[in-house]
Amino acid sequence: LHRVDRRQRQMCIRDRGVELVAISFNEDEGALPQDELAARGYTFPTAVNGDEVAMRYGVRGTPTTYFINKNNQVIFKYTSSDTTDPRLELAVKEIIKVLDK
């Protein structure tokens, strides 16, 4: 059930024009982060070897979540793995509100 909830949320967000992308960096040799995310029920694309992107946005550790608007401005940064934090939903709503204009 939890995996279905994740997929439904991802599809709902994607249908509203928000793209989710995972960026993996500082990987061990032979690591397959996209497989680990898929095993956890996530279906969004994973960019591997993302060290340059991580440096550009000042990522110091994982997990780190950025909400970036269509103008490439960071509107929210989150550094916890607590997916139930209501601030995440508020950030998504803010992005969707801008997209709906």
PDB file of N, CA and C in Angstrom:
ATOM      1  N   LEU A   1       0.822  -1.205   0.000  1.00  0.00           N
ATOM      2  CA  LEU A   1       0.000   0.000   0.000  1.00  0.00           C
ATOM      3  C   LEU A   1       0.860   1.262   0.000  1.00  0.00           C
ATOM      4  N   HIS A   2       1.920   1.264   0.794  1.00  0.00           N
ATOM      5  CA  HIS A   2       2.787   2.436   0.861  1.00  0.00           C
ATOM      6  C   HIS A   2       3.417   2.717  -0.498  1.00  0.00           C
ATOM      7  N   ARG A   3       3.822   1.675  -1.216  1.00  0.00           N
ATOM      8  CA  ARG A   3       4.424   1.833  -2.535  1.00  0.00           C
ATOM      9  C   ARG A   3       3.408   2.415  -3.522  1.00  0.00           C
ATOM     10  N   VAL A   4       2.161   1.979  -3.437  1.00  0.00           N
ATOM     11  CA  VAL A   4       1.111   2.508  -4.309  1.00  0.00           C
ATOM     12  C   VAL A   4       0.894   3.991  -4.017  1.00  0.00           C
ATOM     13  N   ASP A   5       0.877   4.359  -2.745  1.00  0.00           N
ATOM     14  CA  ASP A   5       0.711   5.766  -2.367  1.00  0.00           C
ATOM     15  C   ASP A   5       1.808   6.624  -2.977  1.00  0.00           C
ATOM     16  N   ARG A   6       3.041   6.156  -2.944  1.00  0.00           N
ATOM     17  CA  ARG A   6       4.159   6.903  -3.517  1.00  0.00           C
ATOM     18  C   ARG A   6       3.957   7.112  -5.009  1.00  0.00           C
ATOM     19  N   ARG A   7       3.590   6.047  -5.694  1.00  0.00           N
ATOM     20  CA  ARG A   7       3.394   6.148  -7.145  1.00  0.00           C
ATOM     21  C   ARG A   7       2.246   7.090  -7.474  1.00  0.00           C
ATOM     22  N   GLN A   8       1.167   7.007  -6.726  1.00  0.00           N
ATOM     23  CA  GLN A   8       0.029   7.894  -6.973  1.00  0.00           C
ATOM     24  C   GLN A   8       0.419   9.348  -6.751  1.00  0.00           C
ATOM     25  N   ARG A   9       1.168   9.623  -5.693  1.00  0.00           N
ATOM     26  CA  ARG A   9       1.619  10.991  -5.435  1.00  0.00           C
ATOM     27  C   ARG A   9       2.535  11.488  -6.547  1.00  0.00           C
ATOM     28  N   GLN A  10       3.449  10.630  -6.994  1.00  0.00           N
ATOM     29  CA  GLN A  10       4.355  11.019  -8.074  1.00  0.00           C
ATOM     30  C   GLN A  10       3.588  11.317  -9.350  1.00  0.00           C
ATOM     31  N   MET A  11       2.619  10.478  -9.677  1.00  0.00           N
ATOM     32  CA  MET A  11       1.831  10.692 -10.900  1.00  0.00           C
ATOM     33  C   MET A  11       1.014  11.970 -10.789  1.00  0.00           C
ATOM     34  N   CYS A  12       0.430  12.225  -9.631  1.00  0.00           N
ATOM     35  CA  CYS A  12      -0.367  13.436  -9.429  1.00  0.00           C
ATOM     36  C   CYS A  12       0.500  14.676  -9.593  1.00  0.00           C
ATOM     37  N   ILE A  13       1.674  14.647  -8.984  1.00  0.00           N
ATOM     38  CA  ILE A  13       2.590  15.783  -9.089  1.00  0.00           C
ATOM     39  C   ILE A  13       3.033  15.968 -10.531  1.00  0.00           C
ATOM     40  N   ARG A  14       3.387  14.892 -11.197  1.00  0.00           N
ATOM     41  CA  ARG A  14       3.837  14.964 -12.589  1.00  0.00           C
ATOM     42  C   ARG A  14       2.719  15.479 -13.489  1.00  0.00           C
ATOM     43  N   ASP A  15       1.494  15.048 -13.247  1.00  0.00           N
ATOM     44  CA  ASP A  15       0.360  15.513 -14.046  1.00  0.00           C
ATOM     45  C   ASP A  15       0.134  17.012 -13.898  1.00  0.00           C
ATOM     46  N   ARG A  16       0.586  17.591 -12.813  1.00  0.00           N
ATOM     47  CA  ARG A  16       0.425  19.036 -12.582  1.00  0.00           C
ATOM     48  C   ARG A  16       1.600  19.839 -13.143  1.00  0.00           C
ATOM     49  N   GLY A  17       2.573  19.170 -13.764  1.00  0.00           N
ATOM     50  CA  GLY A  17       3.684  19.874 -14.392  1.00  0.00           C
ATOM     51  C   GLY A  17       4.957  19.951 -13.569  1.00  0.00           C
ATOM     52  N   VAL A  18       5.019  19.186 -12.479  1.00  0.00           N
ATOM     53  CA  VAL A  18       6.215  19.176 -11.633  1.00  0.00           C
ATOM     54  C   VAL A  18       7.010  17.918 -11.957  1.00  0.00           C
ATOM     55  N   GLU A  19       8.270  18.089 -12.283  1.00  0.00           N
ATOM     56  CA  GLU A  19       9.129  16.953 -12.604  1.00  0.00           C
ATOM     57  C   GLU A  19      10.005  16.618 -11.408  1.00  0.00           C
ATOM     58  N   LEU A  20      10.030  15.350 -11.035  1.00  0.00           N
ATOM     59  CA  LEU A  20      10.885  14.865  -9.957  1.00  0.00           C
ATOM     60  C   LEU A  20      12.095  14.181 -10.580  1.00  0.00           C
ATOM     61  N   VAL A  21      13.279  14.523 -10.107  1.00  0.00           N
ATOM     62  CA  VAL A  21      14.502  13.902 -10.596  1.00  0.00           C
ATOM     63  C   VAL A  21      15.416  13.670  -9.403  1.00  0.00           C
ATOM     64  N   ALA A  22      15.947  12.458  -9.291  1.00  0.00           N
ATOM     65  CA  ALA A  22      16.941  12.165  -8.258  1.00  0.00           C
ATOM     66  C   ALA A  22      18.320  12.351  -8.876  1.00  0.00           C
ATOM     67  N   ILE A  23      19.236  12.885  -8.098  1.00  0.00           N
ATOM     68  CA  ILE A  23      20.614  13.047  -8.559  1.00  0.00           C
ATOM     69  C   ILE A  23      21.511  12.344  -7.559  1.00  0.00           C
ATOM     70  N   SER A  24      22.242  11.367  -8.048  1.00  0.00           N
ATOM     71  CA  SER A  24      23.140  10.600  -7.202  1.00  0.00           C
ATOM     72  C   SER A  24      24.563  11.117  -7.396  1.00  0.00           C
ATOM     73  N   PHE A  25      25.306  11.190  -6.303  1.00  0.00           N
ATOM     74  CA  PHE A  25      26.680  11.667  -6.398  1.00  0.00           C
ATOM     75  C   PHE A  25      27.551  10.940  -5.388  1.00  0.00           C
ATOM     76  N   ASN A  26      28.851  11.060  -5.562  1.00  0.00           N
ATOM     77  CA  ASN A  26      29.821  10.438  -4.664  1.00  0.00           C
ATOM     78  C   ASN A  26      29.528   8.943  -4.496  1.00  0.00           C
ATOM     79  N   GLU A  27      29.308   8.280  -5.612  1.00  0.00           N
ATOM     80  CA  GLU A  27      28.894   6.882  -5.604  1.00  0.00           C
ATOM     81  C   GLU A  27      30.087   5.938  -5.482  1.00  0.00           C
ATOM     82  N   ASP A  28      29.845   4.812  -4.856  1.00  0.00           N
ATOM     83  CA  ASP A  28      30.835   3.749  -4.838  1.00  0.00           C
ATOM     84  C   ASP A  28      30.900   3.124  -6.222  1.00  0.00           C
ATOM     85  N   GLU A  29      32.035   2.559  -6.554  1.00  0.00           N
ATOM     86  CA  GLU A  29      32.209   1.874  -7.830  1.00  0.00           C
ATOM     87  C   GLU A  29      31.139   0.792  -7.987  1.00  0.00           C
ATOM     88  N   GLY A  30      30.431   0.835  -9.108  1.00  0.00           N
ATOM     89  CA  GLY A  30      29.409  -0.170  -9.403  1.00  0.00           C
ATOM     90  C   GLY A  30      28.071   0.058  -8.723  1.00  0.00           C
ATOM     91  N   ALA A  31      27.930   1.157  -7.999  1.00  0.00           N
ATOM     92  CA  ALA A  31      26.658   1.438  -7.317  1.00  0.00           C
ATOM     93  C   ALA A  31      25.557   1.690  -8.339  1.00  0.00           C
ATOM     94  N   LEU A  32      24.355   1.260  -8.017  1.00  0.00           N
ATOM     95  CA  LEU A  32      23.193   1.442  -8.889  1.00  0.00           C
ATOM     96  C   LEU A  32      22.082   2.136  -8.094  1.00  0.00           C
ATOM     97  N   PRO A  33      22.229   3.429  -7.854  1.00  0.00           N
ATOM     98  CA  PRO A  33      21.246   4.130  -7.013  1.00  0.00           C
ATOM     99  C   PRO A  33      19.834   4.081  -7.577  1.00  0.00           C
ATOM    100  N   GLN A  34      19.698   4.085  -8.897  1.00  0.00           N
ATOM    101  CA  GLN A  34      18.360   4.038  -9.484  1.00  0.00           C
ATOM    102  C   GLN A  34      17.651   2.734  -9.128  1.00  0.00           C
ATOM    103  N   ASP A  35      18.405   1.648  -8.999  1.00  0.00           N
ATOM    104  CA  ASP A  35      17.809   0.372  -8.608  1.00  0.00           C
ATOM    105  C   ASP A  35      17.320   0.420  -7.158  1.00  0.00           C
ATOM    106  N   GLU A  36      18.084   1.057  -6.297  1.00  0.00           N
ATOM    107  CA  GLU A  36      17.683   1.181  -4.891  1.00  0.00           C
ATOM    108  C   GLU A  36      16.413   2.011  -4.766  1.00  0.00           C
ATOM    109  N   LEU A  37      16.330   3.116  -5.513  1.00  0.00           N
ATOM    110  CA  LEU A  37      15.119   3.934  -5.472  1.00  0.00           C
ATOM    111  C   LEU A  37      13.921   3.161  -6.017  1.00  0.00           C
ATOM    112  N   ALA A  38      14.116   2.422  -7.095  1.00  0.00           N
ATOM    113  CA  ALA A  38      13.024   1.618  -7.660  1.00  0.00           C
ATOM    114  C   ALA A  38      12.558   0.562  -6.661  1.00  0.00           C
ATOM    115  N   ALA A  39      13.496  -0.038  -5.937  1.00  0.00           N
ATOM    116  CA  ALA A  39      13.135  -1.041  -4.931  1.00  0.00           C
ATOM    117  C   ALA A  39      12.301  -0.436  -3.809  1.00  0.00           C
ATOM    118  N   ARG A  40      12.459   0.868  -3.586  1.00  0.00           N
ATOM    119  CA  ARG A  40      11.689   1.567  -2.555  1.00  0.00           C
ATOM    120  C   ARG A  40      10.363   2.107  -3.094  1.00  0.00           C
ATOM    121  N   GLY A  41      10.097   1.857  -4.386  1.00  0.00           N
ATOM    122  CA  GLY A  41       8.820   2.263  -4.955  1.00  0.00           C
ATOM    123  C   GLY A  41       8.832   3.585  -5.681  1.00  0.00           C
ATOM    124  N   TYR A  42       9.998   4.184  -5.866  1.00  0.00           N
ATOM    125  CA  TYR A  42      10.076   5.463  -6.570  1.00  0.00           C
ATOM    126  C   TYR A  42      10.283   5.216  -8.060  1.00  0.00           C
ATOM    127  N   THR A  43       9.615   6.006  -8.879  1.00  0.00           N
ATOM    128  CA  THR A  43       9.672   5.788 -10.323  1.00  0.00           C
ATOM    129  C   THR A  43      10.261   6.966 -11.089  1.00  0.00           C
ATOM    130  N   PHE A  44      10.682   8.017 -10.414  1.00  0.00           N
ATOM    131  CA  PHE A  44      11.232   9.158 -11.132  1.00  0.00           C
ATOM    132  C   PHE A  44      12.646   8.836 -11.611  1.00  0.00           C
ATOM    133  N   PRO A  45      13.107   9.552 -12.654  1.00  0.00           N
ATOM    134  CA  PRO A  45      14.437   9.269 -13.190  1.00  0.00           C
ATOM    135  C   PRO A  45      15.537   9.617 -12.195  1.00  0.00           C
ATOM    136  N   THR A  46      16.657   8.910 -12.322  1.00  0.00           N
ATOM    137  CA  THR A  46      17.812   9.142 -11.474  1.00  0.00           C
ATOM    138  C   THR A  46      19.014   9.475 -12.341  1.00  0.00           C
ATOM    139  N   ALA A  47      19.582  10.649 -12.139  1.00  0.00           N
ATOM    140  CA  ALA A  47      20.820  11.015 -12.820  1.00  0.00           C
ATOM    141  C   ALA A  47      21.979  10.553 -11.946  1.00  0.00           C
ATOM    142  N   VAL A  48      22.855   9.740 -12.497  1.00  0.00           N
ATOM    143  CA  VAL A  48      23.995   9.238 -11.735  1.00  0.00           C
ATOM    144  C   VAL A  48      25.225  10.082 -12.039  1.00  0.00           C
ATOM    145  N   ASN A  49      26.240   9.955 -11.190  1.00  0.00           N
ATOM    146  CA  ASN A  49      27.472  10.748 -11.322  1.00  0.00           C
ATOM    147  C   ASN A  49      27.154  12.239 -11.320  1.00  0.00           C
ATOM    148  N   GLY A  50      26.312  12.651 -10.405  1.00  0.00           N
ATOM    149  CA  GLY A  50      25.857  14.036 -10.340  1.00  0.00           C
ATOM    150  C   GLY A  50      26.708  14.925  -9.442  1.00  0.00           C
ATOM    151  N   ASP A  51      27.987  14.626  -9.331  1.00  0.00           N
ATOM    152  CA  ASP A  51      28.853  15.391  -8.435  1.00  0.00           C
ATOM    153  C   ASP A  51      28.875  16.884  -8.778  1.00  0.00           C
ATOM    154  N   GLU A  52      28.917  17.215 -10.065  1.00  0.00           N
ATOM    155  CA  GLU A  52      28.957  18.619 -10.470  1.00  0.00           C
ATOM    156  C   GLU A  52      27.679  19.356 -10.056  1.00  0.00           C
ATOM    157  N   VAL A  53      26.544  18.701 -10.233  1.00  0.00           N
ATOM    158  CA  VAL A  53      25.268  19.314  -9.848  1.00  0.00           C
ATOM    159  C   VAL A  53      25.209  19.480  -8.328  1.00  0.00           C
ATOM    160  N   ALA A  54      25.664  18.481  -7.602  1.00  0.00           N
ATOM    161  CA  ALA A  54      25.669  18.570  -6.138  1.00  0.00           C
ATOM    162  C   ALA A  54      26.531  19.738  -5.672  1.00  0.00           C
ATOM    163  N   MET A  55      27.681  19.928  -6.290  1.00  0.00           N
ATOM    164  CA  MET A  55      28.544  21.054  -5.924  1.00  0.00           C
ATOM    165  C   MET A  55      27.880  22.381  -6.260  1.00  0.00           C
ATOM    166  N   ARG A  56      27.231  22.455  -7.429  1.00  0.00           N
ATOM    167  CA  ARG A  56      26.585  23.698  -7.862  1.00  0.00           C
ATOM    168  C   ARG A  56      25.525  24.154  -6.856  1.00  0.00           C
ATOM    169  N   TYR A  57      24.788  23.194  -6.282  1.00  0.00           N
ATOM    170  CA  TYR A  57      23.714  23.545  -5.348  1.00  0.00           C
ATOM    171  C   TYR A  57      24.142  23.458  -3.879  1.00  0.00           C
ATOM    172  N   GLY A  58      25.394  23.152  -3.624  1.00  0.00           N
ATOM    173  CA  GLY A  58      25.886  23.132  -2.256  1.00  0.00           C
ATOM    174  C   GLY A  58      25.392  21.972  -1.425  1.00  0.00           C
ATOM    175  N   VAL A  59      25.146  20.833  -2.066  1.00  0.00           N
ATOM    176  CA  VAL A  59      24.702  19.646  -1.332  1.00  0.00           C
ATOM    177  C   VAL A  59      25.881  19.122  -0.520  1.00  0.00           C
ATOM    178  N   ARG A  60      25.663  18.937   0.770  1.00  0.00           N
ATOM    179  CA  ARG A  60      26.730  18.457   1.646  1.00  0.00           C
ATOM    180  C   ARG A  60      26.493  17.022   2.106  1.00  0.00           C
ATOM    181  N   GLY A  61      25.290  16.533   1.948  1.00  0.00           N
ATOM    182  CA  GLY A  61      24.976  15.177   2.371  1.00  0.00           C
ATOM    183  C   GLY A  61      23.625  14.758   1.842  1.00  0.00           C
ATOM    184  N   THR A  62      23.283  13.522   2.118  1.00  0.00           N
ATOM    185  CA  THR A  62      21.998  13.007   1.661  1.00  0.00           C
ATOM    186  C   THR A  62      21.179  12.574   2.863  1.00  0.00           C
ATOM    187  N   PRO A  63      19.895  12.613   2.756  1.00  0.00           N
ATOM    188  CA  PRO A  63      19.161  13.141   1.604  1.00  0.00           C
ATOM    189  C   PRO A  63      19.098  14.671   1.639  1.00  0.00           C
ATOM    190  N   THR A  64      19.095  15.258   0.490  1.00  0.00           N
ATOM    191  CA  THR A  64      18.861  16.687   0.336  1.00  0.00           C
ATOM    192  C   THR A  64      17.864  16.856  -0.791  1.00  0.00           C
ATOM    193  N   THR A  65      16.804  17.585  -0.532  1.00  0.00           N
ATOM    194  CA  THR A  65      15.761  17.802  -1.526  1.00  0.00           C
ATOM    195  C   THR A  65      15.668  19.283  -1.819  1.00  0.00           C
ATOM    196  N   TYR A  66      15.688  19.609  -3.098  1.00  0.00           N
ATOM    197  CA  TYR A  66      15.525  20.988  -3.538  1.00  0.00           C
ATOM    198  C   TYR A  66      14.261  21.090  -4.371  1.00  0.00           C
ATOM    199  N   PHE A  67      13.520  22.148  -4.160  1.00  0.00           N
ATOM    200  CA  PHE A  67      12.409  22.491  -5.030  1.00  0.00           C
ATOM    201  C   PHE A  67      12.879  23.686  -5.841  1.00  0.00           C
ATOM    202  N   ILE A  68      12.990  23.485  -7.145  1.00  0.00           N
ATOM    203  CA  ILE A  68      13.533  24.497  -8.044  1.00  0.00           C
ATOM    204  C   ILE A  68      12.440  24.879  -9.022  1.00  0.00           C
ATOM    205  N   ASN A  69      12.165  26.160  -9.130  1.00  0.00           N
ATOM    206  CA  ASN A  69      11.096  26.584 -10.024  1.00  0.00           C
ATOM    207  C   ASN A  69      11.588  26.635 -11.470  1.00  0.00           C
ATOM    208  N   LYS A  70      10.698  26.981 -12.386  1.00  0.00           N
ATOM    209  CA  LYS A  70      11.036  26.958 -13.805  1.00  0.00           C
ATOM    210  C   LYS A  70      12.061  28.015 -14.184  1.00  0.00           C
ATOM    211  N   ASN A  71      12.349  28.945 -13.279  1.00  0.00           N
ATOM    212  CA  ASN A  71      13.387  29.950 -13.495  1.00  0.00           C
ATOM    213  C   ASN A  71      14.711  29.552 -12.849  1.00  0.00           C
ATOM    214  N   ASN A  72      14.807  28.269 -12.464  1.00  0.00           N
ATOM    215  CA  ASN A  72      16.000  27.702 -11.818  1.00  0.00           C
ATOM    216  C   ASN A  72      16.323  28.344 -10.469  1.00  0.00           C
ATOM    217  N   GLN A  73      15.302  28.846  -9.792  1.00  0.00           N
ATOM    218  CA  GLN A  73      15.484  29.414  -8.461  1.00  0.00           C
ATOM    219  C   GLN A  73      15.095  28.369  -7.417  1.00  0.00           C
ATOM    220  N   VAL A  74      15.949  28.189  -6.420  1.00  0.00           N
ATOM    221  CA  VAL A  74      15.637  27.278  -5.322  1.00  0.00           C
ATOM    222  C   VAL A  74      14.604  27.964  -4.445  1.00  0.00           C
ATOM    223  N   ILE A  75      13.433  27.323  -4.301  1.00  0.00           N
ATOM    224  CA  ILE A  75      12.394  27.916  -3.461  1.00  0.00           C
ATOM    225  C   ILE A  75      12.253  27.196  -2.122  1.00  0.00           C
ATOM    226  N   PHE A  76      12.857  26.005  -2.019  1.00  0.00           N
ATOM    227  CA  PHE A  76      12.795  25.276  -0.754  1.00  0.00           C
ATOM    228  C   PHE A  76      13.890  24.224  -0.749  1.00  0.00           C
ATOM    229  N   LYS A  77      14.584  24.102   0.380  1.00  0.00           N
ATOM    230  CA  LYS A  77      15.619  23.085   0.567  1.00  0.00           C
ATOM    231  C   LYS A  77      15.251  22.278   1.794  1.00  0.00           C
ATOM    232  N   TYR A  78      15.397  20.968   1.694  1.00  0.00           N
ATOM    233  CA  TYR A  78      14.995  20.071   2.776  1.00  0.00           C
ATOM    234  C   TYR A  78      16.072  19.012   2.946  1.00  0.00           C
ATOM    235  N   THR A  79      16.514  18.764   4.168  1.00  0.00           N
ATOM    236  CA  THR A  79      17.616  17.828   4.395  1.00  0.00           C
ATOM    237  C   THR A  79      17.236  16.687   5.342  1.00  0.00           C
ATOM    238  N   SER A  80      16.029  16.211   5.230  1.00  0.00           N
ATOM    239  CA  SER A  80      15.570  15.096   6.061  1.00  0.00           C
ATOM    240  C   SER A  80      14.958  14.021   5.169  1.00  0.00           C
ATOM    241  N   SER A  81      14.880  12.820   5.686  1.00  0.00           N
ATOM    242  CA  SER A  81      14.221  11.743   4.938  1.00  0.00           C
ATOM    243  C   SER A  81      12.773  11.546   5.377  1.00  0.00           C
ATOM    244  N   ASP A  82      12.262  12.440   6.205  1.00  0.00           N
ATOM    245  CA  ASP A  82      10.884  12.353   6.689  1.00  0.00           C
ATOM    246  C   ASP A  82       9.921  12.832   5.603  1.00  0.00           C
ATOM    247  N   THR A  83       9.365  11.892   4.859  1.00  0.00           N
ATOM    248  CA  THR A  83       8.465  12.243   3.756  1.00  0.00           C
ATOM    249  C   THR A  83       7.077  12.656   4.249  1.00  0.00           C
ATOM    250  N   THR A  84       6.841  12.588   5.552  1.00  0.00           N
ATOM    251  CA  THR A  84       5.538  13.001   6.087  1.00  0.00           C
ATOM    252  C   THR A  84       5.552  14.449   6.557  1.00  0.00           C
ATOM    253  N   ASP A  85       6.678  15.119   6.457  1.00  0.00           N
ATOM    254  CA  ASP A  85       6.782  16.516   6.888  1.00  0.00           C
ATOM    255  C   ASP A  85       5.850  17.366   6.027  1.00  0.00           C
ATOM    256  N   PRO A  86       4.918  18.092   6.639  1.00  0.00           N
ATOM    257  CA  PRO A  86       3.950  18.883   5.875  1.00  0.00           C
ATOM    258  C   PRO A  86       4.590  19.988   5.027  1.00  0.00           C
ATOM    259  N   ARG A  87       5.819  20.375   5.340  1.00  0.00           N
ATOM    260  CA  ARG A  87       6.486  21.408   4.540  1.00  0.00           C
ATOM    261  C   ARG A  87       6.751  20.938   3.118  1.00  0.00           C
ATOM    262  N   LEU A  88       6.937  19.636   2.939  1.00  0.00           N
ATOM    263  CA  LEU A  88       7.137  19.108   1.583  1.00  0.00           C
ATOM    264  C   LEU A  88       5.889  19.319   0.739  1.00  0.00           C
ATOM    265  N   GLU A  89       4.750  19.004   1.285  1.00  0.00           N
ATOM    266  CA  GLU A  89       3.486  19.189   0.567  1.00  0.00           C
ATOM    267  C   GLU A  89       3.241  20.671   0.282  1.00  0.00           C
ATOM    268  N   LEU A  90       3.580  21.523   1.221  1.00  0.00           N
ATOM    269  CA  LEU A  90       3.415  22.965   1.009  1.00  0.00           C
ATOM    270  C   LEU A  90       4.317  23.457  -0.126  1.00  0.00           C
ATOM    271  N   ALA A  91       5.535  22.945  -0.198  1.00  0.00           N
ATOM    272  CA  ALA A  91       6.442  23.347  -1.273  1.00  0.00           C
ATOM    273  C   ALA A  91       5.903  22.904  -2.626  1.00  0.00           C
ATOM    274  N   VAL A  92       5.381  21.688  -2.705  1.00  0.00           N
ATOM    275  CA  VAL A  92       4.784  21.208  -3.956  1.00  0.00           C
ATOM    276  C   VAL A  92       3.597  22.080  -4.337  1.00  0.00           C
ATOM    277  N   LYS A  93       2.754  22.411  -3.373  1.00  0.00           N
ATOM    278  CA  LYS A  93       1.597  23.266  -3.656  1.00  0.00           C
ATOM    279  C   LYS A  93       2.020  24.625  -4.163  1.00  0.00           C
ATOM    280  N   GLU A  94       3.102  25.179  -3.627  1.00  0.00           N
ATOM    281  CA  GLU A  94       3.596  26.478  -4.083  1.00  0.00           C
ATOM    282  C   GLU A  94       4.031  26.404  -5.545  1.00  0.00           C
ATOM    283  N   ILE A  95       4.742  25.349  -5.890  1.00  0.00           N
ATOM    284  CA  ILE A  95       5.193  25.188  -7.284  1.00  0.00           C
ATOM    285  C   ILE A  95       4.000  25.023  -8.195  1.00  0.00           C
ATOM    286  N   ILE A  96       3.031  24.211  -7.804  1.00  0.00           N
ATOM    287  CA  ILE A  96       1.851  23.975  -8.632  1.00  0.00           C
ATOM    288  C   ILE A  96       1.055  25.259  -8.792  1.00  0.00           C
ATOM    289  N   LYS A  97       0.959  26.049  -7.728  1.00  0.00           N
ATOM    290  CA  LYS A  97       0.218  27.308  -7.792  1.00  0.00           C
ATOM    291  C   LYS A  97       0.831  28.218  -8.867  1.00  0.00           C
ATOM    292  N   VAL A  98       2.143  28.281  -8.911  1.00  0.00           N
ATOM    293  CA  VAL A  98       2.825  29.102  -9.915  1.00  0.00           C
ATOM    294  C   VAL A  98       2.599  28.536 -11.301  1.00  0.00           C
ATOM    295  N   LEU A  99       2.615  27.207 -11.443  1.00  0.00           N
ATOM    296  CA  LEU A  99       2.405  26.585 -12.750  1.00  0.00           C
ATOM    297  C   LEU A  99       0.985  26.808 -13.269  1.00  0.00           C
ATOM    298  N   ASP A 100       0.033  26.875 -12.331  1.00  0.00           N
ATOM    299  CA  ASP A 100      -1.372  27.044 -12.723  1.00  0.00           C
ATOM    300  C   ASP A 100      -1.697  28.458 -13.195  1.00  0.00           C
ATOM    301  N   LYS A 101      -0.792  29.406 -12.982  1.00  0.00           N
ATOM    302  CA  LYS A 101      -1.064  30.803 -13.371  1.00  0.00           C
ATOM    303  C   LYS A 101      -0.927  30.990 -14.857  1.00  0.00           C
TER     304      LYS A 101
END
